[in-house]
Amino acid sequence: MVQCKHGLAAAARAAAFLRQQVGVVVGPCLTALGCALRKERQTVFNSLLQQGLKPRWRKGVEIEFFSAGGWIQHDFEYFGG
């Protein structure tokens, strides 16, 4: 798996290049359920970003953010947490 850290437009250009020059087809790395879960959690990610907490995606659908003590995984409280 290759990740593009330069944004969606750069990823699209890289995907087009790979398809045209090498014959490699680039697709999403998440399942349909993973894509839906990430879409659902995007508002949380955006909120943490606006708060300056430098969020990042972990394992595709988990969110962690930076605090004074280091990286903290966001608790979505789905199981009574």
PDB file of N, CA and C in Angstrom:
ATOM      1  N   MET A   1       0.844  -1.167   0.000  1.00  0.00           N
ATOM      2  CA  MET A   1       0.000   0.000   0.000  1.00  0.00           C
ATOM      3  C   MET A   1       0.890   1.230   0.000  1.00  0.00           C
ATOM      4  N   VAL A   2       0.544   2.210  -0.815  1.00  0.00           N
ATOM      5  CA  VAL A   2       1.268   3.471  -0.889  1.00  0.00           C
ATOM      6  C   VAL A   2       0.326   4.574  -0.456  1.00  0.00           C
ATOM      7  N   GLN A   3       0.798   5.448   0.409  1.00  0.00           N
ATOM      8  CA  GLN A   3      -0.004   6.573   0.846  1.00  0.00           C
ATOM      9  C   GLN A   3       0.562   7.863   0.263  1.00  0.00           C
ATOM     10  N   CYS A   4      -0.304   8.794  -0.106  1.00  0.00           N
ATOM     11  CA  CYS A   4       0.118  10.077  -0.644  1.00  0.00           C
ATOM     12  C   CYS A   4      -0.129  11.133   0.416  1.00  0.00           C
ATOM     13  N   LYS A   5       0.932  11.791   0.872  1.00  0.00           N
ATOM     14  CA  LYS A   5       0.809  12.790   1.929  1.00  0.00           C
ATOM     15  C   LYS A   5       0.689  14.212   1.382  1.00  0.00           C
ATOM     16  N   HIS A   6       0.492  14.338   0.068  1.00  0.00           N
ATOM     17  CA  HIS A   6       0.446  15.654  -0.539  1.00  0.00           C
ATOM     18  C   HIS A   6      -0.952  16.052  -0.989  1.00  0.00           C
ATOM     19  N   GLY A   7      -1.956  15.388  -0.523  1.00  0.00           N
ATOM     20  CA  GLY A   7      -3.326  15.766  -0.812  1.00  0.00           C
ATOM     21  C   GLY A   7      -3.982  14.913  -1.888  1.00  0.00           C
ATOM     22  N   LEU A   8      -5.279  15.098  -2.010  1.00  0.00           N
ATOM     23  CA  LEU A   8      -6.090  14.299  -2.921  1.00  0.00           C
ATOM     24  C   LEU A   8      -5.727  14.551  -4.378  1.00  0.00           C
ATOM     25  N   ALA A   9      -5.467  15.807  -4.744  1.00  0.00           N
ATOM     26  CA  ALA A   9      -5.126  16.121  -6.133  1.00  0.00           C
ATOM     27  C   ALA A   9      -3.830  15.431  -6.546  1.00  0.00           C
ATOM     28  N   ALA A  10      -2.834  15.450  -5.662  1.00  0.00           N
ATOM     29  CA  ALA A  10      -1.564  14.786  -5.955  1.00  0.00           C
ATOM     30  C   ALA A  10      -1.762  13.273  -6.066  1.00  0.00           C
ATOM     31  N   ALA A  11      -2.617  12.722  -5.225  1.00  0.00           N
ATOM     32  CA  ALA A  11      -2.897  11.291  -5.279  1.00  0.00           C
ATOM     33  C   ALA A  11      -3.578  10.927  -6.593  1.00  0.00           C
ATOM     34  N   ALA A  12      -4.502  11.766  -7.049  1.00  0.00           N
ATOM     35  CA  ALA A  12      -5.191  11.521  -8.315  1.00  0.00           C
ATOM     36  C   ALA A  12      -4.210  11.577  -9.484  1.00  0.00           C
ATOM     37  N   ARG A  13      -3.292  12.544  -9.455  1.00  0.00           N
ATOM     38  CA  ARG A  13      -2.274  12.633 -10.517  1.00  0.00           C
ATOM     39  C   ARG A  13      -1.378  11.397 -10.512  1.00  0.00           C
ATOM     40  N   ALA A  14      -0.971  10.968  -9.320  1.00  0.00           N
ATOM     41  CA  ALA A  14      -0.121   9.790  -9.209  1.00  0.00           C
ATOM     42  C   ALA A  14      -0.860   8.546  -9.699  1.00  0.00           C
ATOM     43  N   ALA A  15      -2.129   8.436  -9.374  1.00  0.00           N
ATOM     44  CA  ALA A  15      -2.930   7.286  -9.808  1.00  0.00           C
ATOM     45  C   ALA A  15      -3.054   7.265 -11.322  1.00  0.00           C
ATOM     46  N   ALA A  16      -3.290   8.435 -11.926  1.00  0.00           N
ATOM     47  CA  ALA A  16      -3.400   8.513 -13.384  1.00  0.00           C
ATOM     48  C   ALA A  16      -2.072   8.126 -14.043  1.00  0.00           C
ATOM     49  N   PHE A  17      -0.974   8.601 -13.492  1.00  0.00           N
ATOM     50  CA  PHE A  17       0.349   8.264 -14.026  1.00  0.00           C
ATOM     51  C   PHE A  17       0.598   6.758 -13.953  1.00  0.00           C
ATOM     52  N   LEU A  18       0.323   6.166 -12.805  1.00  0.00           N
ATOM     53  CA  LEU A  18       0.537   4.735 -12.630  1.00  0.00           C
ATOM     54  C   LEU A  18      -0.325   3.917 -13.595  1.00  0.00           C
ATOM     55  N   ARG A  19      -1.563   4.348 -13.783  1.00  0.00           N
ATOM     56  CA  ARG A  19      -2.467   3.634 -14.682  1.00  0.00           C
ATOM     57  C   ARG A  19      -1.970   3.717 -16.126  1.00  0.00           C
ATOM     58  N   GLN A  20      -1.557   4.920 -16.555  1.00  0.00           N
ATOM     59  CA  GLN A  20      -1.139   5.128 -17.942  1.00  0.00           C
ATOM     60  C   GLN A  20       0.230   4.527 -18.244  1.00  0.00           C
ATOM     61  N   GLN A  21       1.176   4.707 -17.348  1.00  0.00           N
ATOM     62  CA  GLN A  21       2.554   4.311 -17.614  1.00  0.00           C
ATOM     63  C   GLN A  21       2.874   2.869 -17.226  1.00  0.00           C
ATOM     64  N   VAL A  22       2.243   2.381 -16.184  1.00  0.00           N
ATOM     65  CA  VAL A  22       2.618   1.067 -15.657  1.00  0.00           C
ATOM     66  C   VAL A  22       1.481   0.052 -15.741  1.00  0.00           C
ATOM     67  N   GLY A  23       0.248   0.534 -15.869  1.00  0.00           N
ATOM     68  CA  GLY A  23      -0.893  -0.358 -15.919  1.00  0.00           C
ATOM     69  C   GLY A  23      -1.433  -0.747 -14.556  1.00  0.00           C
ATOM     70  N   VAL A  24      -1.038  -0.013 -13.531  1.00  0.00           N
ATOM     71  CA  VAL A  24      -1.491  -0.294 -12.172  1.00  0.00           C
ATOM     72  C   VAL A  24      -2.760   0.512 -11.896  1.00  0.00           C
ATOM     73  N   VAL A  25      -3.771  -0.148 -11.370  1.00  0.00           N
ATOM     74  CA  VAL A  25      -5.014   0.521 -11.018  1.00  0.00           C
ATOM     75  C   VAL A  25      -4.992   0.798  -9.519  1.00  0.00           C
ATOM     76  N   VAL A  26      -5.228   2.052  -9.157  1.00  0.00           N
ATOM     77  CA  VAL A  26      -5.212   2.473  -7.759  1.00  0.00           C
ATOM     78  C   VAL A  26      -6.645   2.559  -7.255  1.00  0.00           C
ATOM     79  N   GLY A  27      -6.908   1.975  -6.093  1.00  0.00           N
ATOM     80  CA  GLY A  27      -8.244   1.999  -5.515  1.00  0.00           C
ATOM     81  C   GLY A  27      -8.184   2.275  -4.029  1.00  0.00           C
ATOM     82  N   PRO A  28      -9.328   2.465  -3.406  1.00  0.00           N
ATOM     83  CA  PRO A  28      -9.341   2.732  -1.969  1.00  0.00           C
ATOM     84  C   PRO A  28      -8.857   1.520  -1.180  1.00  0.00           C
ATOM     85  N   CYS A  29      -8.227   1.784  -0.048  1.00  0.00           N
ATOM     86  CA  CYS A  29      -7.692   0.675   0.748  1.00  0.00           C
ATOM     87  C   CYS A  29      -8.647   0.253   1.864  1.00  0.00           C
ATOM     88  N   LEU A  30      -9.804   0.870   1.957  1.00  0.00           N
ATOM     89  CA  LEU A  30     -10.777   0.508   2.984  1.00  0.00           C
ATOM     90  C   LEU A  30     -11.929  -0.284   2.373  1.00  0.00           C
ATOM     91  N   THR A  31     -12.543  -1.128   3.171  1.00  0.00           N
ATOM     92  CA  THR A  31     -13.745  -1.837   2.744  1.00  0.00           C
ATOM     93  C   THR A  31     -14.895  -0.838   2.673  1.00  0.00           C
ATOM     94  N   ALA A  32     -16.026  -1.262   2.153  1.00  0.00           N
ATOM     95  CA  ALA A  32     -17.197  -0.390   2.094  1.00  0.00           C
ATOM     96  C   ALA A  32     -17.599   0.048   3.508  1.00  0.00           C
ATOM     97  N   LEU A  33     -17.541  -0.877   4.468  1.00  0.00           N
ATOM     98  CA  LEU A  33     -17.857  -0.544   5.859  1.00  0.00           C
ATOM     99  C   LEU A  33     -16.835   0.450   6.415  1.00  0.00           C
ATOM    100  N   GLY A  34     -15.554   0.226   6.111  1.00  0.00           N
ATOM    101  CA  GLY A  34     -14.503   1.142   6.565  1.00  0.00           C
ATOM    102  C   GLY A  34     -14.689   2.533   5.993  1.00  0.00           C
ATOM    103  N   CYS A  35     -15.053   2.620   4.704  1.00  0.00           N
ATOM    104  CA  CYS A  35     -15.299   3.931   4.087  1.00  0.00           C
ATOM    105  C   CYS A  35     -16.463   4.641   4.756  1.00  0.00           C
ATOM    106  N   ALA A  36     -17.531   3.904   5.056  1.00  0.00           N
ATOM    107  CA  ALA A  36     -18.703   4.490   5.715  1.00  0.00           C
ATOM    108  C   ALA A  36     -18.354   4.965   7.121  1.00  0.00           C
ATOM    109  N   LEU A  37     -17.585   4.170   7.850  1.00  0.00           N
ATOM    110  CA  LEU A  37     -17.193   4.541   9.212  1.00  0.00           C
ATOM    111  C   LEU A  37     -16.297   5.773   9.205  1.00  0.00           C
ATOM    112  N   ARG A  38     -15.364   5.816   8.274  1.00  0.00           N
ATOM    113  CA  ARG A  38     -14.470   6.977   8.192  1.00  0.00           C
ATOM    114  C   ARG A  38     -15.248   8.236   7.827  1.00  0.00           C
ATOM    115  N   LYS A  39     -16.211   8.107   6.919  1.00  0.00           N
ATOM    116  CA  LYS A  39     -17.052   9.249   6.541  1.00  0.00           C
ATOM    117  C   LYS A  39     -17.843   9.743   7.756  1.00  0.00           C
ATOM    118  N   GLU A  40     -18.354   8.813   8.553  1.00  0.00           N
ATOM    119  CA  GLU A  40     -19.108   9.161   9.764  1.00  0.00           C
ATOM    120  C   GLU A  40     -18.219   9.894  10.772  1.00  0.00           C
ATOM    121  N   ARG A  41     -16.957   9.510  10.851  1.00  0.00           N
ATOM    122  CA  ARG A  41     -16.037  10.082  11.838  1.00  0.00           C
ATOM    123  C   ARG A  41     -15.314  11.341  11.349  1.00  0.00           C
ATOM    124  N   GLN A  42     -15.510  11.715  10.107  1.00  0.00           N
ATOM    125  CA  GLN A  42     -14.808  12.865   9.549  1.00  0.00           C
ATOM    126  C   GLN A  42     -15.105  14.154  10.307  1.00  0.00           C
ATOM    127  N   THR A  43     -16.330  14.326  10.829  1.00  0.00           N
ATOM    128  CA  THR A  43     -16.661  15.544  11.575  1.00  0.00           C
ATOM    129  C   THR A  43     -15.845  15.642  12.862  1.00  0.00           C
ATOM    130  N   VAL A  44     -15.618  14.497  13.511  1.00  0.00           N
ATOM    131  CA  VAL A  44     -14.780  14.473  14.716  1.00  0.00           C
ATOM    132  C   VAL A  44     -13.351  14.879  14.340  1.00  0.00           C
ATOM    133  N   PHE A  45     -12.848  14.309  13.242  1.00  0.00           N
ATOM    134  CA  PHE A  45     -11.505  14.634  12.774  1.00  0.00           C
ATOM    135  C   PHE A  45     -11.376  16.133  12.510  1.00  0.00           C
ATOM    136  N   ASN A  46     -12.359  16.703  11.801  1.00  0.00           N
ATOM    137  CA  ASN A  46     -12.339  18.137  11.484  1.00  0.00           C
ATOM    138  C   ASN A  46     -12.384  18.994  12.741  1.00  0.00           C
ATOM    139  N   SER A  47     -13.178  18.582  13.720  1.00  0.00           N
ATOM    140  CA  SER A  47     -13.277  19.318  14.981  1.00  0.00           C
ATOM    141  C   SER A  47     -11.938  19.332  15.718  1.00  0.00           C
ATOM    142  N   LEU A  48     -11.294  18.184  15.783  1.00  0.00           N
ATOM    143  CA  LEU A  48      -9.981  18.106  16.440  1.00  0.00           C
ATOM    144  C   LEU A  48      -8.951  18.951  15.693  1.00  0.00           C
ATOM    145  N   LEU A  49      -9.045  18.960  14.375  1.00  0.00           N
ATOM    146  CA  LEU A  49      -8.138  19.765  13.560  1.00  0.00           C
ATOM    147  C   LEU A  49      -8.329  21.253  13.840  1.00  0.00           C
ATOM    148  N   GLN A  50      -9.585  21.690  13.932  1.00  0.00           N
ATOM    149  CA  GLN A  50      -9.879  23.095  14.230  1.00  0.00           C
ATOM    150  C   GLN A  50      -9.404  23.496  15.621  1.00  0.00           C
ATOM    151  N   GLN A  51      -9.355  22.538  16.539  1.00  0.00           N
ATOM    152  CA  GLN A  51      -8.872  22.804  17.890  1.00  0.00           C
ATOM    153  C   GLN A  51      -7.346  22.807  17.965  1.00  0.00           C
ATOM    154  N   GLY A  52      -6.691  22.525  16.829  1.00  0.00           N
ATOM    155  CA  GLY A  52      -5.237  22.522  16.785  1.00  0.00           C
ATOM    156  C   GLY A  52      -4.597  21.290  17.398  1.00  0.00           C
ATOM    157  N   LEU A  53      -5.336  20.192  17.463  1.00  0.00           N
ATOM    158  CA  LEU A  53      -4.835  18.979  18.114  1.00  0.00           C
ATOM    159  C   LEU A  53      -4.116  18.017  17.168  1.00  0.00           C
ATOM    160  N   LYS A  54      -3.918  18.408  15.920  1.00  0.00           N
ATOM    161  CA  LYS A  54      -3.161  17.627  14.931  1.00  0.00           C
ATOM    162  C   LYS A  54      -3.633  16.173  14.828  1.00  0.00           C
ATOM    163  N   PRO A  55      -4.915  15.949  14.503  1.00  0.00           N
ATOM    164  CA  PRO A  55      -5.400  14.573  14.422  1.00  0.00           C
ATOM    165  C   PRO A  55      -4.786  13.839  13.235  1.00  0.00           C
ATOM    166  N   ARG A  56      -4.759  12.507  13.338  1.00  0.00           N
ATOM    167  CA  ARG A  56      -4.330  11.678  12.219  1.00  0.00           C
ATOM    168  C   ARG A  56      -5.130  10.383  12.253  1.00  0.00           C
ATOM    169  N   TRP A  57      -5.300   9.801  11.070  1.00  0.00           N
ATOM    170  CA  TRP A  57      -6.016   8.536  10.969  1.00  0.00           C
ATOM    171  C   TRP A  57      -5.066   7.408  11.327  1.00  0.00           C
ATOM    172  N   ARG A  58      -5.573   6.435  12.047  1.00  0.00           N
ATOM    173  CA  ARG A  58      -4.791   5.261  12.436  1.00  0.00           C
ATOM    174  C   ARG A  58      -5.611   4.023  12.095  1.00  0.00           C
ATOM    175  N   LYS A  59      -4.984   3.064  11.458  1.00  0.00           N
ATOM    176  CA  LYS A  59      -5.655   1.824  11.037  1.00  0.00           C
ATOM    177  C   LYS A  59      -6.876   2.116  10.165  1.00  0.00           C
ATOM    178  N   GLY A  60      -6.834   3.192   9.419  1.00  0.00           N
ATOM    179  CA  GLY A  60      -7.886   3.518   8.463  1.00  0.00           C
ATOM    180  C   GLY A  60      -9.087   4.246   9.026  1.00  0.00           C
ATOM    181  N   VAL A  61      -9.559   3.865  10.214  1.00  0.00           N
ATOM    182  CA  VAL A  61     -10.797   4.450  10.741  1.00  0.00           C
ATOM    183  C   VAL A  61     -10.682   4.988  12.162  1.00  0.00           C
ATOM    184  N   GLU A  62      -9.582   4.728  12.819  1.00  0.00           N
ATOM    185  CA  GLU A  62      -9.392   5.248  14.175  1.00  0.00           C
ATOM    186  C   GLU A  62      -8.736   6.629  14.085  1.00  0.00           C
ATOM    187  N   ILE A  63      -9.007   7.471  15.060  1.00  0.00           N
ATOM    188  CA  ILE A  63      -8.433   8.816  15.090  1.00  0.00           C
ATOM    189  C   ILE A  63      -7.609   8.962  16.352  1.00  0.00           C
ATOM    190  N   GLU A  64      -6.417   9.492  16.188  1.00  0.00           N
ATOM    191  CA  GLU A  64      -5.628   9.866  17.358  1.00  0.00           C
ATOM    192  C   GLU A  64      -5.198  11.314  17.171  1.00  0.00           C
ATOM    193  N   PHE A  65      -4.972  11.982  18.297  1.00  0.00           N
ATOM    194  CA  PHE A  65      -4.608  13.394  18.262  1.00  0.00           C
ATOM    195  C   PHE A  65      -3.472  13.642  19.239  1.00  0.00           C
ATOM    196  N   PHE A  66      -2.773  14.748  19.015  1.00  0.00           N
ATOM    197  CA  PHE A  66      -1.615  15.051  19.833  1.00  0.00           C
ATOM    198  C   PHE A  66      -2.004  15.953  20.992  1.00  0.00           C
ATOM    199  N   SER A  67      -1.585  15.568  22.182  1.00  0.00           N
ATOM    200  CA  SER A  67      -1.797  16.355  23.390  1.00  0.00           C
ATOM    201  C   SER A  67      -0.447  16.496  24.083  1.00  0.00           C
ATOM    202  N   ALA A  68      -0.409  17.232  25.155  1.00  0.00           N
ATOM    203  CA  ALA A  68       0.853  17.475  25.860  1.00  0.00           C
ATOM    204  C   ALA A  68       1.568  16.181  26.238  1.00  0.00           C
ATOM    205  N   GLY A  69       0.824  15.144  26.527  1.00  0.00           N
ATOM    206  CA  GLY A  69       1.418  13.873  26.926  1.00  0.00           C
ATOM    207  C   GLY A  69       1.781  12.958  25.768  1.00  0.00           C
ATOM    208  N   GLY A  70       1.471  13.349  24.549  1.00  0.00           N
ATOM    209  CA  GLY A  70       1.758  12.520  23.376  1.00  0.00           C
ATOM    210  C   GLY A  70       0.493  12.223  22.601  1.00  0.00           C
ATOM    211  N   TRP A  71       0.520  11.164  21.797  1.00  0.00           N
ATOM    212  CA  TRP A  71      -0.615  10.789  20.964  1.00  0.00           C
ATOM    213  C   TRP A  71      -1.663  10.041  21.780  1.00  0.00           C
ATOM    214  N   ILE A  72      -2.927  10.456  21.631  1.00  0.00           N
ATOM    215  CA  ILE A  72      -4.049   9.871  22.361  1.00  0.00           C
ATOM    216  C   ILE A  72      -5.087   9.386  21.353  1.00  0.00           C
ATOM    217  N   GLN A  73      -5.581   8.154  21.515  1.00  0.00           N
ATOM    218  CA  GLN A  73      -6.619   7.643  20.638  1.00  0.00           C
ATOM    219  C   GLN A  73      -7.967   8.197  21.075  1.00  0.00           C
ATOM    220  N   HIS A  74      -8.733   8.713  20.114  1.00  0.00           N
ATOM    221  CA  HIS A  74     -10.065   9.250  20.419  1.00  0.00           C
ATOM    222  C   HIS A  74     -10.999   8.102  20.804  1.00  0.00           C
ATOM    223  N   ASP A  75     -11.782   8.313  21.850  1.00  0.00           N
ATOM    224  CA  ASP A  75     -12.734   7.314  22.327  1.00  0.00           C
ATOM    225  C   ASP A  75     -14.117   7.657  21.782  1.00  0.00           C
ATOM    226  N   PHE A  76     -14.649   6.827  20.907  1.00  0.00           N
ATOM    227  CA  PHE A  76     -15.974   7.056  20.325  1.00  0.00           C
ATOM    228  C   PHE A  76     -17.106   6.570  21.197  1.00  0.00           C
ATOM    229  N   GLU A  77     -16.816   5.892  22.294  1.00  0.00           N
ATOM    230  CA  GLU A  77     -17.781   5.446  23.290  1.00  0.00           C
ATOM    231  C   GLU A  77     -18.903   4.580  22.707  1.00  0.00           C
ATOM    232  N   TYR A  78     -18.594   3.709  21.758  1.00  0.00           N
ATOM    233  CA  TYR A  78     -19.609   2.827  21.186  1.00  0.00           C
ATOM    234  C   TYR A  78     -20.000   1.697  22.125  1.00  0.00           C
ATOM    235  N   PHE A  79     -19.095   1.322  22.999  1.00  0.00           N
ATOM    236  CA  PHE A  79     -19.359   0.167  23.851  1.00  0.00           C
ATOM    237  C   PHE A  79     -19.426   0.567  25.320  1.00  0.00           C
ATOM    238  N   GLY A  80     -20.001   1.737  25.562  1.00  0.00           N
ATOM    239  CA  GLY A  80     -20.174   2.195  26.929  1.00  0.00           C
ATOM    240  C   GLY A  80     -18.911   2.759  27.563  1.00  0.00           C
ATOM    241  N   GLY A  81     -17.909   3.081  26.723  1.00  0.00           N
ATOM    242  CA  GLY A  81     -16.645   3.605  27.242  1.00  0.00           C
ATOM    243  C   GLY A  81     -16.747   4.956  27.700  1.00  0.00           C
TER     244      GLY A  81
END
